[in-house]
Amino acid sequence: MSVEIIVAGVGGQGSILASHILAEAAIAGQSRSPGLMKVRVGETFGAAMRGGAVASHVRLGEGVYGPLVGRGQADMVIALEPLEGLRIGVEYIREGGIVVLNDGQIPPVDVKIGAARYPDIVEIRTALEELGATVKVVAADRLAEQAGTARALNIVMLGAAFRCGLLPFCEHILLEAIKRRVPRRFTDANLRAFQLGKESEDQEEVAGRCREA
């Protein structure tokens, strides 16, 4: 049995940090239940350039050896940027997988120069659902600001991902990994960010209620 996760975003959003927090939590959980899983992490990126695509692969399980998730094998995509979530989801999400999607857009260069159109969040969600994925849309940028720092959007997304029930370790183990990995002066803000993400409502469901009202 394995859990296959990809954290997708652009350089500067903290996707690599989020993947390493997940891996560290898995290792910590493993130390309390030895022999249950291997942990592998790998990245595909132009992360040297802020704004370049970043995809961090996290593989947890007994029979896990290579660092990269296979095509159509991801159980979860945690998308810090929605278009990157769509790009990764089309290639990697399995039928029945989960996509946790930040609604904050960072348009790529071809969109900025008018050579391409950025699809709206409803189009992105629909395309992912047509692949057989369950999609949760999170206002992660707003919630990170609410927590006290915009840089905590990756931790908001970890909170939202944890709520989905797929991660194979306890909440307190994940929180300890967050505390070890983030700068000490931002610990409280990041813990608030995690809680806000865990409690977040799906933004499309909220919009639907507003339309009905």
C-alpha atoms as a PDB file:
ATOM      1  CA  MET A   1       0.000   0.000   0.000  1.00  0.00           C
ATOM      2  CA  SER A   2       1.302   3.475  -0.832  1.00  0.00           C
ATOM      3  CA  VAL A   3       0.279   7.130  -0.837  1.00  0.00           C
ATOM      4  CA  GLU A   4       1.444   9.153  -3.847  1.00  0.00           C
ATOM      5  CA  ILE A   5       1.354  12.962  -3.550  1.00  0.00           C
ATOM      6  CA  ILE A   6       2.518  15.823  -5.765  1.00  0.00           C
ATOM      7  CA  VAL A   7       2.812  19.391  -4.495  1.00  0.00           C
ATOM      8  CA  ALA A   8       2.562  21.679  -7.537  1.00  0.00           C
ATOM      9  CA  GLY A   9       3.169  25.400  -7.795  1.00  0.00           C
ATOM     10  CA  VAL A  10       5.623  28.008  -9.009  1.00  0.00           C
ATOM     11  CA  GLY A  11       8.982  29.048  -7.624  1.00  0.00           C
ATOM     12  CA  GLY A  12       8.720  31.071  -4.429  1.00  0.00           C
ATOM     13  CA  GLN A  13       5.449  29.562  -3.189  1.00  0.00           C
ATOM     14  CA  GLY A  14       7.047  26.976  -0.908  1.00  0.00           C
ATOM     15  CA  SER A  15       6.022  23.765  -2.646  1.00  0.00           C
ATOM     16  CA  ILE A  16       9.377  22.085  -1.945  1.00  0.00           C
ATOM     17  CA  LEU A  17       9.178  23.030   1.735  1.00  0.00           C
ATOM     18  CA  ALA A  18       5.641  21.615   1.901  1.00  0.00           C
ATOM     19  CA  SER A  19       6.783  18.314   0.375  1.00  0.00           C
ATOM     20  CA  HIS A  20       9.688  18.045   2.798  1.00  0.00           C
ATOM     21  CA  ILE A  21       7.349  18.699   5.735  1.00  0.00           C
ATOM     22  CA  LEU A  22       5.130  15.841   4.542  1.00  0.00           C
ATOM     23  CA  ALA A  23       8.133  13.547   4.201  1.00  0.00           C
ATOM     24  CA  GLU A  24       9.491  14.495   7.613  1.00  0.00           C
ATOM     25  CA  ALA A  25       6.106  13.854   9.220  1.00  0.00           C
ATOM     26  CA  ALA A  26       5.963  10.447   7.526  1.00  0.00           C
ATOM     27  CA  ILE A  27       9.460   9.606   8.803  1.00  0.00           C
ATOM     28  CA  ALA A  28       8.518  10.718  12.328  1.00  0.00           C
ATOM     29  CA  GLY A  29       5.379   8.597  12.210  1.00  0.00           C
ATOM     30  CA  GLN A  30       7.451   5.703  10.902  1.00  0.00           C
ATOM     31  CA  SER A  31       9.776   5.880  13.904  1.00  0.00           C
ATOM     32  CA  ARG A  32       6.769   5.169  16.121  1.00  0.00           C
ATOM     33  CA  SER A  33       5.514   2.309  13.914  1.00  0.00           C
ATOM     34  CA  PRO A  34       8.676   0.827  12.376  1.00  0.00           C
ATOM     35  CA  GLY A  35       8.566  -1.298   9.239  1.00  0.00           C
ATOM     36  CA  LEU A  36       5.407   0.178   7.730  1.00  0.00           C
ATOM     37  CA  MET A  37       6.634   2.482   4.969  1.00  0.00           C
ATOM     38  CA  LYS A  38       9.462   3.920   2.945  1.00  0.00           C
ATOM     39  CA  VAL A  39       9.598   7.645   2.175  1.00  0.00           C
ATOM     40  CA  ARG A  40      10.858   9.092  -1.114  1.00  0.00           C
ATOM     41  CA  VAL A  41      10.908  12.723  -2.301  1.00  0.00           C
ATOM     42  CA  GLY A  42      11.841  14.078  -5.721  1.00  0.00           C
ATOM     43  CA  GLU A  43      11.421  17.351  -7.593  1.00  0.00           C
ATOM     44  CA  THR A  44      10.958  18.409 -11.187  1.00  0.00           C
ATOM     45  CA  PHE A  45      11.480  22.139 -11.473  1.00  0.00           C
ATOM     46  CA  GLY A  46      12.850  25.359 -12.701  1.00  0.00           C
ATOM     47  CA  ALA A  47      12.780  26.528  -9.112  1.00  0.00           C
ATOM     48  CA  ALA A  48      15.986  28.522  -9.569  1.00  0.00           C
ATOM     49  CA  MET A  49      13.812  31.125 -11.248  1.00  0.00           C
ATOM     50  CA  ARG A  50      11.043  32.625  -9.161  1.00  0.00           C
ATOM     51  CA  GLY A  51       7.827  32.015 -11.072  1.00  0.00           C
ATOM     52  CA  GLY A  52       9.039  28.813 -12.785  1.00  0.00           C
ATOM     53  CA  ALA A  53       6.994  25.618 -12.504  1.00  0.00           C
ATOM     54  CA  VAL A  54       7.771  23.388  -9.520  1.00  0.00           C
ATOM     55  CA  ALA A  55       6.444  19.899  -8.810  1.00  0.00           C
ATOM     56  CA  SER A  56       7.556  18.035  -5.682  1.00  0.00           C
ATOM     57  CA  HIS A  57       6.773  14.315  -5.554  1.00  0.00           C
ATOM     58  CA  VAL A  58       6.236  12.562  -2.207  1.00  0.00           C
ATOM     59  CA  ARG A  59       5.885   8.773  -2.172  1.00  0.00           C
ATOM     60  CA  LEU A  60       5.020   6.911   1.021  1.00  0.00           C
ATOM     61  CA  GLY A  61       4.583   3.145   1.290  1.00  0.00           C
ATOM     62  CA  GLU A  62       5.990  -0.345   1.682  1.00  0.00           C
ATOM     63  CA  GLY A  63       6.880  -0.903  -1.973  1.00  0.00           C
ATOM     64  CA  VAL A  64       8.135   2.583  -2.809  1.00  0.00           C
ATOM     65  CA  TYR A  65      11.605   2.868  -4.369  1.00  0.00           C
ATOM     66  CA  GLY A  66      11.877   5.583  -7.036  1.00  0.00           C
ATOM     67  CA  PRO A  67      11.327   9.251  -6.097  1.00  0.00           C
ATOM     68  CA  LEU A  68       8.814  10.221  -8.810  1.00  0.00           C
ATOM     69  CA  VAL A  69       5.099   9.443  -8.994  1.00  0.00           C
ATOM     70  CA  GLY A  70       4.103   7.565 -12.147  1.00  0.00           C
ATOM     71  CA  ARG A  71       1.702   9.022 -14.700  1.00  0.00           C
ATOM     72  CA  GLY A  72      -1.901   8.550 -13.606  1.00  0.00           C
ATOM     73  CA  GLN A  73      -0.802   7.320 -10.174  1.00  0.00           C
ATOM     74  CA  ALA A  74      -1.110  10.367  -7.875  1.00  0.00           C
ATOM     75  CA  ASP A  75      -3.541   9.914  -5.000  1.00  0.00           C
ATOM     76  CA  MET A  76      -3.388  13.640  -4.251  1.00  0.00           C
ATOM     77  CA  VAL A  77      -2.221  16.814  -5.946  1.00  0.00           C
ATOM     78  CA  ILE A  78      -1.753  19.811  -3.644  1.00  0.00           C
ATOM     79  CA  ALA A  79      -1.791  22.748  -6.065  1.00  0.00           C
ATOM     80  CA  LEU A  80      -0.479  26.049  -4.731  1.00  0.00           C
ATOM     81  CA  GLU A  81      -1.249  27.612  -8.124  1.00  0.00           C
ATOM     82  CA  PRO A  82      -4.358  26.511 -10.050  1.00  0.00           C
ATOM     83  CA  LEU A  83      -2.987  26.339 -13.599  1.00  0.00           C
ATOM     84  CA  GLU A  84      -0.030  24.297 -12.355  1.00  0.00           C
ATOM     85  CA  GLY A  85      -2.537  22.093 -10.554  1.00  0.00           C
ATOM     86  CA  LEU A  86      -4.344  21.500 -13.826  1.00  0.00           C
ATOM     87  CA  ARG A  87      -1.115  20.827 -15.716  1.00  0.00           C
ATOM     88  CA  ILE A  88       0.073  18.299 -13.140  1.00  0.00           C
ATOM     89  CA  GLY A  89      -3.386  16.845 -12.588  1.00  0.00           C
ATOM     90  CA  VAL A  90      -3.932  16.060 -16.268  1.00  0.00           C
ATOM     91  CA  GLU A  91      -0.747  14.009 -16.316  1.00  0.00           C
ATOM     92  CA  TYR A  92      -0.615  12.475 -12.859  1.00  0.00           C
ATOM     93  CA  ILE A  93      -3.913  12.321 -10.946  1.00  0.00           C
ATOM     94  CA  ARG A  94      -5.526   8.890 -10.786  1.00  0.00           C
ATOM     95  CA  GLU A  95      -9.250   8.341 -11.124  1.00  0.00           C
ATOM     96  CA  GLY A  96     -10.663   8.810  -7.636  1.00  0.00           C
ATOM     97  CA  GLY A  97      -7.721  10.964  -6.561  1.00  0.00           C
ATOM     98  CA  ILE A  98      -7.976  14.273  -4.716  1.00  0.00           C
ATOM     99  CA  VAL A  99      -6.869  17.710  -5.916  1.00  0.00           C
ATOM    100  CA  VAL A 100      -6.581  20.458  -3.298  1.00  0.00           C
ATOM    101  CA  LEU A 101      -6.534  23.656  -5.351  1.00  0.00           C
ATOM    102  CA  ASN A 102      -5.538  27.152  -4.263  1.00  0.00           C
ATOM    103  CA  ASP A 103      -7.673  29.711  -6.111  1.00  0.00           C
ATOM    104  CA  GLY A 104      -4.909  32.358  -6.282  1.00  0.00           C
ATOM    105  CA  GLN A 105      -3.583  32.767  -9.822  1.00  0.00           C
ATOM    106  CA  ILE A 106      -0.023  33.537 -10.951  1.00  0.00           C
ATOM    107  CA  PRO A 107      -0.337  33.907 -14.739  1.00  0.00           C
ATOM    108  CA  PRO A 108       2.570  32.547 -16.824  1.00  0.00           C
ATOM    109  CA  VAL A 109       4.422  34.695 -19.340  1.00  0.00           C
ATOM    110  CA  ASP A 110       2.329  33.680 -22.361  1.00  0.00           C
ATOM    111  CA  VAL A 111      -0.814  34.812 -20.548  1.00  0.00           C
ATOM    112  CA  LYS A 112       0.799  38.094 -19.506  1.00  0.00           C
ATOM    113  CA  ILE A 113       1.739  38.953 -23.087  1.00  0.00           C
ATOM    114  CA  GLY A 114      -1.693  38.020 -24.414  1.00  0.00           C
ATOM    115  CA  ALA A 115      -0.604  34.894 -26.290  1.00  0.00           C
ATOM    116  CA  ALA A 116      -2.816  32.602 -24.200  1.00  0.00           C
ATOM    117  CA  ARG A 117      -5.898  32.805 -21.977  1.00  0.00           C
ATOM    118  CA  TYR A 118      -5.854  31.810 -18.324  1.00  0.00           C
ATOM    119  CA  PRO A 119      -8.851  29.503 -17.658  1.00  0.00           C
ATOM    120  CA  ASP A 120     -11.036  30.519 -14.742  1.00  0.00           C
ATOM    121  CA  ILE A 121     -11.183  28.393 -11.615  1.00  0.00           C
ATOM    122  CA  VAL A 122     -14.493  26.791 -12.604  1.00  0.00           C
ATOM    123  CA  GLU A 123     -12.988  25.586 -15.891  1.00  0.00           C
ATOM    124  CA  ILE A 124      -9.949  24.195 -14.089  1.00  0.00           C
ATOM    125  CA  ARG A 125     -12.093  22.444 -11.523  1.00  0.00           C
ATOM    126  CA  THR A 126     -14.384  20.971 -14.192  1.00  0.00           C
ATOM    127  CA  ALA A 127     -11.429  19.656 -16.213  1.00  0.00           C
ATOM    128  CA  LEU A 128      -9.992  17.925 -13.154  1.00  0.00           C
ATOM    129  CA  GLU A 129     -13.348  16.467 -12.182  1.00  0.00           C
ATOM    130  CA  GLU A 130     -13.736  15.090 -15.694  1.00  0.00           C
ATOM    131  CA  LEU A 131     -10.551  13.117 -15.017  1.00  0.00           C
ATOM    132  CA  GLY A 132     -12.357  11.475 -12.098  1.00  0.00           C
ATOM    133  CA  ALA A 133     -10.765  13.589  -9.341  1.00  0.00           C
ATOM    134  CA  THR A 134     -12.425  15.055  -6.282  1.00  0.00           C
ATOM    135  CA  VAL A 135     -11.532  18.774  -6.142  1.00  0.00           C
ATOM    136  CA  LYS A 136     -11.432  21.074  -3.116  1.00  0.00           C
ATOM    137  CA  VAL A 137     -10.873  24.771  -3.847  1.00  0.00           C
ATOM    138  CA  VAL A 138      -9.181  26.781  -1.072  1.00  0.00           C
ATOM    139  CA  ALA A 139      -8.722  30.554  -0.738  1.00  0.00           C
ATOM    140  CA  ALA A 140      -5.204  29.885   0.531  1.00  0.00           C
ATOM    141  CA  ASP A 141      -3.702  33.316  -0.196  1.00  0.00           C
ATOM    142  CA  ARG A 142      -6.446  35.059   1.779  1.00  0.00           C
ATOM    143  CA  LEU A 143      -6.213  32.585   4.648  1.00  0.00           C
ATOM    144  CA  ALA A 144      -2.420  32.939   4.812  1.00  0.00           C
ATOM    145  CA  GLU A 145      -2.799  36.716   5.122  1.00  0.00           C
ATOM    146  CA  GLN A 146      -5.393  36.140   7.817  1.00  0.00           C
ATOM    147  CA  ALA A 147      -2.932  33.899   9.670  1.00  0.00           C
ATOM    148  CA  GLY A 148      -0.324  36.660   9.656  1.00  0.00           C
ATOM    149  CA  THR A 149       1.989  36.030   6.697  1.00  0.00           C
ATOM    150  CA  ALA A 150       1.401  35.519   2.974  1.00  0.00           C
ATOM    151  CA  ARG A 151       4.339  33.097   2.937  1.00  0.00           C
ATOM    152  CA  ALA A 152       2.250  30.565   4.883  1.00  0.00           C
ATOM    153  CA  LEU A 153      -0.022  29.702   1.951  1.00  0.00           C
ATOM    154  CA  ASN A 154       1.787  26.363   1.575  1.00  0.00           C
ATOM    155  CA  ILE A 155       0.947  25.555   5.205  1.00  0.00           C
ATOM    156  CA  VAL A 156      -2.694  26.554   4.631  1.00  0.00           C
ATOM    157  CA  MET A 157      -2.703  24.023   1.816  1.00  0.00           C
ATOM    158  CA  LEU A 158      -1.203  21.336   4.056  1.00  0.00           C
ATOM    159  CA  GLY A 159      -4.032  21.952   6.514  1.00  0.00           C
ATOM    160  CA  ALA A 160      -6.621  21.608   3.758  1.00  0.00           C
ATOM    161  CA  ALA A 161      -4.888  18.455   2.478  1.00  0.00           C
ATOM    162  CA  PHE A 162      -4.780  16.932   5.953  1.00  0.00           C
ATOM    163  CA  ARG A 163      -8.528  17.380   6.313  1.00  0.00           C
ATOM    164  CA  CYS A 164      -9.066  15.100   3.300  1.00  0.00           C
ATOM    165  CA  GLY A 165      -8.020  12.142   5.458  1.00  0.00           C
ATOM    166  CA  LEU A 166      -5.453  10.635   3.098  1.00  0.00           C
ATOM    167  CA  LEU A 167      -2.217  11.463   4.923  1.00  0.00           C
ATOM    168  CA  PRO A 168      -0.931   8.437   6.879  1.00  0.00           C
ATOM    169  CA  PHE A 169       0.132  10.180  10.085  1.00  0.00           C
ATOM    170  CA  CYS A 170      -1.442  12.029  13.000  1.00  0.00           C
ATOM    171  CA  GLU A 171      -2.045  15.779  13.052  1.00  0.00           C
ATOM    172  CA  HIS A 172       0.330  16.412  15.943  1.00  0.00           C
ATOM    173  CA  ILE A 173       3.163  14.711  14.030  1.00  0.00           C
ATOM    174  CA  LEU A 174       2.561  16.986  11.046  1.00  0.00           C
ATOM    175  CA  LEU A 175       2.409  20.060  13.291  1.00  0.00           C
ATOM    176  CA  GLU A 176       5.734  19.099  14.878  1.00  0.00           C
ATOM    177  CA  ALA A 177       7.288  18.798  11.411  1.00  0.00           C
ATOM    178  CA  ILE A 178       5.954  22.262  10.526  1.00  0.00           C
ATOM    179  CA  LYS A 179       7.451  23.721  13.711  1.00  0.00           C
ATOM    180  CA  ARG A 180      10.836  22.184  12.929  1.00  0.00           C
ATOM    181  CA  ARG A 181      10.876  23.452   9.342  1.00  0.00           C
ATOM    182  CA  VAL A 182       9.556  27.037   9.483  1.00  0.00           C
ATOM    183  CA  PRO A 183      11.509  29.995  10.934  1.00  0.00           C
ATOM    184  CA  ARG A 184      10.880  30.261  14.658  1.00  0.00           C
ATOM    185  CA  ARG A 185       9.554  33.820  14.447  1.00  0.00           C
ATOM    186  CA  PHE A 186       6.808  32.603  12.084  1.00  0.00           C
ATOM    187  CA  THR A 187       5.841  29.471  14.019  1.00  0.00           C
ATOM    188  CA  ASP A 188       2.615  30.840  15.473  1.00  0.00           C
ATOM    189  CA  ALA A 189       1.474  32.282  12.129  1.00  0.00           C
ATOM    190  CA  ASN A 190       2.137  28.970  10.381  1.00  0.00           C
ATOM    191  CA  LEU A 191       0.253  26.994  13.014  1.00  0.00           C
ATOM    192  CA  ARG A 192      -2.680  29.382  12.569  1.00  0.00           C
ATOM    193  CA  ALA A 193      -2.375  28.921   8.806  1.00  0.00           C
ATOM    194  CA  PHE A 194      -2.575  25.139   9.171  1.00  0.00           C
ATOM    195  CA  GLN A 195      -5.688  25.401  11.315  1.00  0.00           C
ATOM    196  CA  LEU A 196      -7.370  27.813   8.906  1.00  0.00           C
ATOM    197  CA  GLY A 197      -6.596  25.473   6.026  1.00  0.00           C
ATOM    198  CA  LYS A 198      -7.952  22.494   7.922  1.00  0.00           C
ATOM    199  CA  GLU A 199     -11.167  24.373   8.653  1.00  0.00           C
ATOM    200  CA  SER A 200     -11.506  25.923   5.190  1.00  0.00           C
ATOM    201  CA  GLU A 201     -14.659  25.544   3.129  1.00  0.00           C
ATOM    202  CA  ASP A 202     -14.659  24.686  -0.554  1.00  0.00           C
ATOM    203  CA  GLN A 203     -14.844  28.068  -2.318  1.00  0.00           C
ATOM    204  CA  GLU A 204     -17.143  26.804  -5.071  1.00  0.00           C
ATOM    205  CA  GLU A 205     -19.611  25.546  -2.463  1.00  0.00           C
ATOM    206  CA  VAL A 206     -19.492  28.951  -0.757  1.00  0.00           C
ATOM    207  CA  ALA A 207     -20.079  30.670  -4.114  1.00  0.00           C
ATOM    208  CA  GLY A 208     -22.994  28.341  -4.799  1.00  0.00           C
ATOM    209  CA  ARG A 209     -24.665  29.225  -1.506  1.00  0.00           C
ATOM    210  CA  CYS A 210     -24.201  32.926  -2.276  1.00  0.00           C
ATOM    211  CA  ARG A 211     -25.828  32.486  -5.716  1.00  0.00           C
ATOM    212  CA  GLU A 212     -28.777  30.632  -4.178  1.00  0.00           C
ATOM    213  CA  ALA A 213     -29.222  33.386  -1.583  1.00  0.00           C
END
